[in-house]
Amino acid sequence: MSAEVEVDDAGHGVDGGAPVWAAFGDLMSVLLGVFVLILVGVIGAQMQLSSRLDEEVKQRRIEAQRRQTLERALAAPLASGRVTLVDGRIGISGSVLFALNSDQLQPEGRELLKTLAGPLREYLRSRDEILMVSGFTDDRQVLGSNRQFADNWELSAQRALTVTRALIASGVPESAVFAAAFGAQQPVGSNADEAGRSKNRRVEIAPMPRPAQPAAPAHAR
């Protein structure tokens, strides 16, 4: 079969198929370029997803190791049932540490904190973390006859400070612990009965990443 030939006004033959194939080649080049761009985009997205998954797995492994280290460090207090460890937070019942509406440590509470200070100090020695000591209360207001605390916020703050100072006195570095107050917020039990309120009157000690130190200002030239 012969190729189709067009004839111009001068009678010269012109090959009509060349422009068509040239256009087809350009189209294929464009399509190939688009395909390559899409492929590169898909590969890049998969690499980013894989990197995020790897980082998440790494963080979970680190968190699991941190909890295991903390559990080993607190094996004796945990075995005695005097403290709890939930999601990396050490919980101590308020009744063990303080009398009702008081921020003064009871003898049992003082001895317990001395027991905790050593393991916590060893735990912090190899980790770039600090301890947050948090005070919590139930939702009942402090007694009207008690003029020492204005409200539950102040009571929880003073209790957290008392525990913080006791840990420091027992050897926990001053730069590795701070106090926080939550008042009646974040209850772990119902405030409708005494059993639940007793759970809410507590102090928690939670390791957390040490805040990054601000960069030193550059000297003026």
C-alpha atoms as a PDB file:
ATOM      1  CA  MET A   1       0.000   0.000   0.000  1.00  0.00           C
ATOM      2  CA  SER A   2       1.486   3.345  -1.051  1.00  0.00           C
ATOM      3  CA  ALA A   3       1.696   6.334   1.294  1.00  0.00           C
ATOM      4  CA  GLU A   4      -0.867   9.078   0.776  1.00  0.00           C
ATOM      5  CA  VAL A   5       0.665  12.097  -1.017  1.00  0.00           C
ATOM      6  CA  GLU A   6      -0.820  15.561  -1.282  1.00  0.00           C
ATOM      7  CA  VAL A   7      -0.116  17.847  -4.290  1.00  0.00           C
ATOM      8  CA  ASP A   8       0.527  21.566  -3.870  1.00  0.00           C
ATOM      9  CA  ASP A   9      -0.427  24.327  -6.365  1.00  0.00           C
ATOM     10  CA  ALA A  10       2.871  23.874  -8.216  1.00  0.00           C
ATOM     11  CA  GLY A  11       2.206  20.198  -8.662  1.00  0.00           C
ATOM     12  CA  HIS A  12       4.841  19.072  -6.213  1.00  0.00           C
ATOM     13  CA  GLY A  13       4.057  16.128  -4.038  1.00  0.00           C
ATOM     14  CA  VAL A  14       3.851  16.741  -0.243  1.00  0.00           C
ATOM     15  CA  ASP A  15       3.912  13.959   2.349  1.00  0.00           C
ATOM     16  CA  GLY A  16       0.769  14.592   4.487  1.00  0.00           C
ATOM     17  CA  GLY A  17       1.633  12.039   7.157  1.00  0.00           C
ATOM     18  CA  ALA A  18       4.736  13.792   8.621  1.00  0.00           C
ATOM     19  CA  PRO A  19       2.920  16.571  10.532  1.00  0.00           C
ATOM     20  CA  VAL A  20       0.549  14.019  12.058  1.00  0.00           C
ATOM     21  CA  TRP A  21       3.381  11.829  13.345  1.00  0.00           C
ATOM     22  CA  ALA A  22       5.254  14.868  14.635  1.00  0.00           C
ATOM     23  CA  ALA A  23       2.168  16.002  16.587  1.00  0.00           C
ATOM     24  CA  PHE A  24       1.688  12.464  17.878  1.00  0.00           C
ATOM     25  CA  GLY A  25       5.303  12.374  19.057  1.00  0.00           C
ATOM     26  CA  ASP A  26       4.896  15.698  20.853  1.00  0.00           C
ATOM     27  CA  LEU A  27       1.751  14.421  22.554  1.00  0.00           C
ATOM     28  CA  MET A  28       3.497  11.257  23.684  1.00  0.00           C
ATOM     29  CA  SER A  29       6.393  13.321  25.051  1.00  0.00           C
ATOM     30  CA  VAL A  30       3.964  15.451  27.042  1.00  0.00           C
ATOM     31  CA  LEU A  31       2.124  12.383  28.351  1.00  0.00           C
ATOM     32  CA  LEU A  32       5.416  10.743  29.293  1.00  0.00           C
ATOM     33  CA  GLY A  33       6.490  13.892  31.144  1.00  0.00           C
ATOM     34  CA  VAL A  34       3.174  14.020  33.049  1.00  0.00           C
ATOM     35  CA  PHE A  35       3.493  10.329  33.920  1.00  0.00           C
ATOM     36  CA  VAL A  36       7.038  10.851  35.218  1.00  0.00           C
ATOM     37  CA  LEU A  37       5.891  13.799  37.351  1.00  0.00           C
ATOM     38  CA  ILE A  38       3.020  11.774  38.807  1.00  0.00           C
ATOM     39  CA  LEU A  39       5.339   8.844  39.471  1.00  0.00           C
ATOM     40  CA  VAL A  40       7.860  11.080  41.211  1.00  0.00           C
ATOM     41  CA  GLY A  41       5.073  12.626  43.299  1.00  0.00           C
ATOM     42  CA  VAL A  42       3.729   9.212  44.319  1.00  0.00           C
ATOM     43  CA  ILE A  43       7.194   7.959  45.236  1.00  0.00           C
ATOM     44  CA  GLY A  44       7.858  11.131  47.249  1.00  0.00           C
ATOM     45  CA  ALA A  45       4.553  10.786  49.121  1.00  0.00           C
ATOM     46  CA  GLN A  46       5.284   7.136  49.894  1.00  0.00           C
ATOM     47  CA  MET A  47       8.737   8.029  51.191  1.00  0.00           C
ATOM     48  CA  GLN A  48       7.294  10.747  53.441  1.00  0.00           C
ATOM     49  CA  LEU A  49       4.633   8.361  54.748  1.00  0.00           C
ATOM     50  CA  SER A  50       7.234   5.674  55.376  1.00  0.00           C
ATOM     51  CA  SER A  51       9.429   8.200  57.203  1.00  0.00           C
ATOM     52  CA  ARG A  52       6.507   9.311  59.407  1.00  0.00           C
ATOM     53  CA  LEU A  53       5.622   5.707  60.201  1.00  0.00           C
ATOM     54  CA  ASP A  54       9.228   4.908  61.073  1.00  0.00           C
ATOM     55  CA  GLU A  55       9.373   7.961  63.355  1.00  0.00           C
ATOM     56  CA  GLU A  56       6.108   6.989  65.049  1.00  0.00           C
ATOM     57  CA  VAL A  57       7.354   3.441  65.642  1.00  0.00           C
ATOM     58  CA  LYS A  58      10.605   4.870  67.021  1.00  0.00           C
ATOM     59  CA  GLN A  59       8.734   7.199  69.398  1.00  0.00           C
ATOM     60  CA  ARG A  60       6.500   4.380  70.616  1.00  0.00           C
ATOM     61  CA  ARG A  61       9.541   2.196  71.236  1.00  0.00           C
ATOM     62  CA  ILE A  62      11.213   5.008  73.186  1.00  0.00           C
ATOM     63  CA  GLU A  63       8.053   5.551  75.237  1.00  0.00           C
ATOM     64  CA  ALA A  64       7.775   1.829  76.024  1.00  0.00           C
ATOM     65  CA  GLN A  65      11.433   1.737  77.087  1.00  0.00           C
ATOM     66  CA  ARG A  66      10.903   4.825  79.270  1.00  0.00           C
ATOM     67  CA  ARG A  67       7.982   3.205  81.064  1.00  0.00           C
ATOM     68  CA  GLN A  68       9.876  -0.043  81.562  1.00  0.00           C
ATOM     69  CA  THR A  69      12.828   1.886  82.995  1.00  0.00           C
ATOM     70  CA  LEU A  70      10.517   3.760  85.357  1.00  0.00           C
ATOM     71  CA  GLU A  71       8.761   0.549  86.420  1.00  0.00           C
ATOM     72  CA  ARG A  72      12.097  -1.072  87.238  1.00  0.00           C
ATOM     73  CA  ALA A  73      13.210   1.988  89.191  1.00  0.00           C
ATOM     74  CA  LEU A  74       9.983   1.993  91.246  1.00  0.00           C
ATOM     75  CA  ALA A  75       9.626  -1.769  91.644  1.00  0.00           C
ATOM     76  CA  ALA A  76       9.640  -1.717  95.464  1.00  0.00           C
ATOM     77  CA  PRO A  77       7.101   1.122  95.999  1.00  0.00           C
ATOM     78  CA  LEU A  78       4.846  -0.326  93.293  1.00  0.00           C
ATOM     79  CA  ALA A  79       4.973  -3.802  94.856  1.00  0.00           C
ATOM     80  CA  SER A  80       3.918  -2.358  98.216  1.00  0.00           C
ATOM     81  CA  GLY A  81       0.824  -0.835  96.610  1.00  0.00           C
ATOM     82  CA  ARG A  82       1.546   2.620  98.019  1.00  0.00           C
ATOM     83  CA  VAL A  83       1.943   4.178  94.574  1.00  0.00           C
ATOM     84  CA  THR A  84       0.479   3.545  91.122  1.00  0.00           C
ATOM     85  CA  LEU A  85       2.045   3.949  87.699  1.00  0.00           C
ATOM     86  CA  VAL A  86      -0.385   4.713  84.866  1.00  0.00           C
ATOM     87  CA  ASP A  87       0.821   5.971  81.461  1.00  0.00           C
ATOM     88  CA  GLY A  88       4.136   6.998  82.985  1.00  0.00           C
ATOM     89  CA  ARG A  89       2.503   9.026  85.799  1.00  0.00           C
ATOM     90  CA  ILE A  90       3.275   8.077  89.413  1.00  0.00           C
ATOM     91  CA  GLY A  91       0.153   8.497  91.522  1.00  0.00           C
ATOM     92  CA  ILE A  92       0.091   8.891  95.316  1.00  0.00           C
ATOM     93  CA  SER A  93      -3.141   9.037  97.268  1.00  0.00           C
ATOM     94  CA  GLY A  94      -3.641  12.343  99.071  1.00  0.00           C
ATOM     95  CA  SER A  95      -4.625  10.514 102.257  1.00  0.00           C
ATOM     96  CA  VAL A  96      -1.163   8.898 102.370  1.00  0.00           C
ATOM     97  CA  LEU A  97       0.567  12.239 102.111  1.00  0.00           C
ATOM     98  CA  PHE A  98      -1.733  14.730 103.845  1.00  0.00           C
ATOM     99  CA  ALA A  99      -4.532  15.053 106.339  1.00  0.00           C
ATOM    100  CA  LEU A 100      -7.772  16.530 104.988  1.00  0.00           C
ATOM    101  CA  ASN A 101      -7.402  20.214 104.010  1.00  0.00           C
ATOM    102  CA  SER A 102      -3.732  20.216 105.018  1.00  0.00           C
ATOM    103  CA  ASP A 103      -0.488  20.689 103.117  1.00  0.00           C
ATOM    104  CA  GLN A 104       1.689  19.263 105.895  1.00  0.00           C
ATOM    105  CA  LEU A 105       3.193  15.861 105.128  1.00  0.00           C
ATOM    106  CA  GLN A 106       2.171  13.001 107.371  1.00  0.00           C
ATOM    107  CA  PRO A 107       4.992  10.737 108.626  1.00  0.00           C
ATOM    108  CA  GLU A 108       3.945   7.929 106.240  1.00  0.00           C
ATOM    109  CA  GLY A 109       3.943  10.323 103.317  1.00  0.00           C
ATOM    110  CA  ARG A 110       7.341  11.757 104.171  1.00  0.00           C
ATOM    111  CA  GLU A 111       8.891   8.288 104.373  1.00  0.00           C
ATOM    112  CA  LEU A 112       7.282   7.293 101.073  1.00  0.00           C
ATOM    113  CA  LEU A 113       8.763  10.303  99.302  1.00  0.00           C
ATOM    114  CA  LYS A 114      12.196   9.443 100.704  1.00  0.00           C
ATOM    115  CA  THR A 115      11.745   5.962  99.234  1.00  0.00           C
ATOM    116  CA  LEU A 116      10.814   7.416  95.831  1.00  0.00           C
ATOM    117  CA  ALA A 117      13.592  10.018  95.690  1.00  0.00           C
ATOM    118  CA  GLY A 118      16.437   7.535  95.140  1.00  0.00           C
ATOM    119  CA  PRO A 119      14.877   5.650  92.206  1.00  0.00           C
ATOM    120  CA  LEU A 120      13.714   8.896  90.633  1.00  0.00           C
ATOM    121  CA  ARG A 121      17.184  10.420  90.936  1.00  0.00           C
ATOM    122  CA  GLU A 122      18.737   7.380  89.270  1.00  0.00           C
ATOM    123  CA  TYR A 123      16.094   7.434  86.542  1.00  0.00           C
ATOM    124  CA  LEU A 124      16.791  11.095  85.759  1.00  0.00           C
ATOM    125  CA  ARG A 125      20.563  10.591  85.758  1.00  0.00           C
ATOM    126  CA  SER A 126      20.570   9.009  82.293  1.00  0.00           C
ATOM    127  CA  ARG A 127      17.648  10.889  80.745  1.00  0.00           C
ATOM    128  CA  ASP A 128      17.064  14.434  79.537  1.00  0.00           C
ATOM    129  CA  GLU A 129      13.805  14.752  81.481  1.00  0.00           C
ATOM    130  CA  ILE A 130      12.368  16.617  84.453  1.00  0.00           C
ATOM    131  CA  LEU A 131       9.640  15.730  86.954  1.00  0.00           C
ATOM    132  CA  MET A 132       6.324  17.567  87.099  1.00  0.00           C
ATOM    133  CA  VAL A 133       4.730  17.262  90.542  1.00  0.00           C
ATOM    134  CA  SER A 134       0.989  17.926  90.189  1.00  0.00           C
ATOM    135  CA  GLY A 135      -1.501  18.521  92.994  1.00  0.00           C
ATOM    136  CA  PHE A 136      -5.203  17.611  92.648  1.00  0.00           C
ATOM    137  CA  THR A 137      -8.223  17.925  94.953  1.00  0.00           C
ATOM    138  CA  ASP A 138     -11.858  16.817  94.935  1.00  0.00           C
ATOM    139  CA  ASP A 139     -14.577  19.331  94.049  1.00  0.00           C
ATOM    140  CA  ARG A 140     -15.548  20.204  97.628  1.00  0.00           C
ATOM    141  CA  GLN A 141     -14.457  23.611  98.752  1.00  0.00           C
ATOM    142  CA  VAL A 142     -11.995  23.916 101.619  1.00  0.00           C
ATOM    143  CA  LEU A 143     -13.676  24.274 105.004  1.00  0.00           C
ATOM    144  CA  GLY A 144     -14.855  27.751 105.869  1.00  0.00           C
ATOM    145  CA  SER A 145     -12.993  27.583 109.164  1.00  0.00           C
ATOM    146  CA  ASN A 146      -9.731  26.941 107.290  1.00  0.00           C
ATOM    147  CA  ARG A 147      -8.279  30.388 106.618  1.00  0.00           C
ATOM    148  CA  GLN A 148      -4.982  29.069 105.254  1.00  0.00           C
ATOM    149  CA  PHE A 149      -6.199  28.322 101.709  1.00  0.00           C
ATOM    150  CA  ALA A 150      -8.491  30.487  99.637  1.00  0.00           C
ATOM    151  CA  ASP A 151      -9.717  27.605  97.471  1.00  0.00           C
ATOM    152  CA  ASN A 152      -8.819  24.201  96.009  1.00  0.00           C
ATOM    153  CA  TRP A 153      -6.384  25.781  93.571  1.00  0.00           C
ATOM    154  CA  GLU A 154      -4.290  27.132  96.410  1.00  0.00           C
ATOM    155  CA  LEU A 155      -4.540  23.882  98.398  1.00  0.00           C
ATOM    156  CA  SER A 156      -3.408  21.776  95.412  1.00  0.00           C
ATOM    157  CA  ALA A 157      -0.581  24.237  94.669  1.00  0.00           C
ATOM    158  CA  GLN A 158       0.741  24.134  98.240  1.00  0.00           C
ATOM    159  CA  ARG A 159       0.573  20.330  98.323  1.00  0.00           C
ATOM    160  CA  ALA A 160       2.505  20.092  95.051  1.00  0.00           C
ATOM    161  CA  LEU A 161       5.125  22.491  96.439  1.00  0.00           C
ATOM    162  CA  THR A 162       5.404  20.475  99.653  1.00  0.00           C
ATOM    163  CA  VAL A 163       6.062  17.253  97.719  1.00  0.00           C
ATOM    164  CA  THR A 164       8.494  19.033  95.396  1.00  0.00           C
ATOM    165  CA  ARG A 165      10.499  20.390  98.327  1.00  0.00           C
ATOM    166  CA  ALA A 166      10.491  16.985 100.039  1.00  0.00           C
ATOM    167  CA  LEU A 167      11.904  15.316  96.912  1.00  0.00           C
ATOM    168  CA  ILE A 168      14.604  17.984  96.621  1.00  0.00           C
ATOM    169  CA  ALA A 169      15.476  17.543 100.301  1.00  0.00           C
ATOM    170  CA  SER A 170      15.836  13.800  99.647  1.00  0.00           C
ATOM    171  CA  GLY A 171      18.300  14.243  96.791  1.00  0.00           C
ATOM    172  CA  VAL A 172      16.326  14.931  93.597  1.00  0.00           C
ATOM    173  CA  PRO A 173      18.156  17.763  91.745  1.00  0.00           C
ATOM    174  CA  GLU A 174      16.451  21.123  92.163  1.00  0.00           C
ATOM    175  CA  SER A 175      16.754  21.752  88.427  1.00  0.00           C
ATOM    176  CA  ALA A 176      14.946  18.504  87.607  1.00  0.00           C
ATOM    177  CA  VAL A 177      11.600  19.029  89.338  1.00  0.00           C
ATOM    178  CA  PHE A 178       8.813  21.624  89.383  1.00  0.00           C
ATOM    179  CA  ALA A 179       5.310  21.951  90.847  1.00  0.00           C
ATOM    180  CA  ALA A 180       1.939  22.398  89.128  1.00  0.00           C
ATOM    181  CA  ALA A 181      -1.588  22.872  90.486  1.00  0.00           C
ATOM    182  CA  PHE A 182      -4.802  21.508  88.958  1.00  0.00           C
ATOM    183  CA  GLY A 183      -7.294  22.030  91.788  1.00  0.00           C
ATOM    184  CA  ALA A 184     -10.440  19.987  91.236  1.00  0.00           C
ATOM    185  CA  GLN A 185      -9.793  19.728  87.496  1.00  0.00           C
ATOM    186  CA  GLN A 186      -9.019  16.401  85.782  1.00  0.00           C
ATOM    187  CA  PRO A 187     -10.710  14.044  88.290  1.00  0.00           C
ATOM    188  CA  VAL A 188      -9.999  10.309  88.014  1.00  0.00           C
ATOM    189  CA  GLY A 189     -13.097   9.283  89.991  1.00  0.00           C
ATOM    190  CA  SER A 190     -16.625  10.485  90.639  1.00  0.00           C
ATOM    191  CA  ASN A 191     -17.028  13.342  93.118  1.00  0.00           C
ATOM    192  CA  ALA A 192     -20.505  12.031  93.965  1.00  0.00           C
ATOM    193  CA  ASP A 193     -19.210   9.672  96.689  1.00  0.00           C
ATOM    194  CA  GLU A 194     -16.350   9.523  99.175  1.00  0.00           C
ATOM    195  CA  ALA A 195     -14.561   6.684  97.362  1.00  0.00           C
ATOM    196  CA  GLY A 196     -14.345   8.748  94.185  1.00  0.00           C
ATOM    197  CA  ARG A 197     -13.389  11.947  96.013  1.00  0.00           C
ATOM    198  CA  SER A 198     -10.606  10.065  97.782  1.00  0.00           C
ATOM    199  CA  LYS A 199      -9.169   9.059  94.394  1.00  0.00           C
ATOM    200  CA  ASN A 200      -9.286  12.657  93.196  1.00  0.00           C
ATOM    201  CA  ARG A 201      -7.334  13.937  96.222  1.00  0.00           C
ATOM    202  CA  ARG A 202      -3.914  12.935  94.948  1.00  0.00           C
ATOM    203  CA  VAL A 203      -0.454  13.993  93.864  1.00  0.00           C
ATOM    204  CA  GLU A 204       1.086  12.795  90.609  1.00  0.00           C
ATOM    205  CA  ILE A 205       4.748  12.782  89.598  1.00  0.00           C
ATOM    206  CA  ALA A 206       5.275  12.598  85.843  1.00  0.00           C
ATOM    207  CA  PRO A 207       8.561  12.609  83.900  1.00  0.00           C
ATOM    208  CA  MET A 208       8.477  14.865  80.861  1.00  0.00           C
ATOM    209  CA  PRO A 209      10.980  16.147  78.273  1.00  0.00           C
ATOM    210  CA  ARG A 210      13.204  18.924  79.543  1.00  0.00           C
ATOM    211  CA  PRO A 211      12.352  22.250  77.851  1.00  0.00           C
ATOM    212  CA  ALA A 212      14.881  23.405  75.289  1.00  0.00           C
ATOM    213  CA  GLN A 213      17.261  26.037  76.587  1.00  0.00           C
ATOM    214  CA  PRO A 214      16.967  29.413  74.809  1.00  0.00           C
ATOM    215  CA  ALA A 215      19.887  30.327  72.607  1.00  0.00           C
ATOM    216  CA  ALA A 216      22.329  32.789  74.119  1.00  0.00           C
ATOM    217  CA  PRO A 217      21.965  36.249  72.542  1.00  0.00           C
ATOM    218  CA  ALA A 218      24.729  37.203  70.148  1.00  0.00           C
ATOM    219  CA  HIS A 219      27.107  39.876  71.429  1.00  0.00           C
ATOM    220  CA  ALA A 220      26.669  43.242  69.803  1.00  0.00           C
ATOM    221  CA  ARG A 221      29.501  44.084  67.467  1.00  0.00           C
END
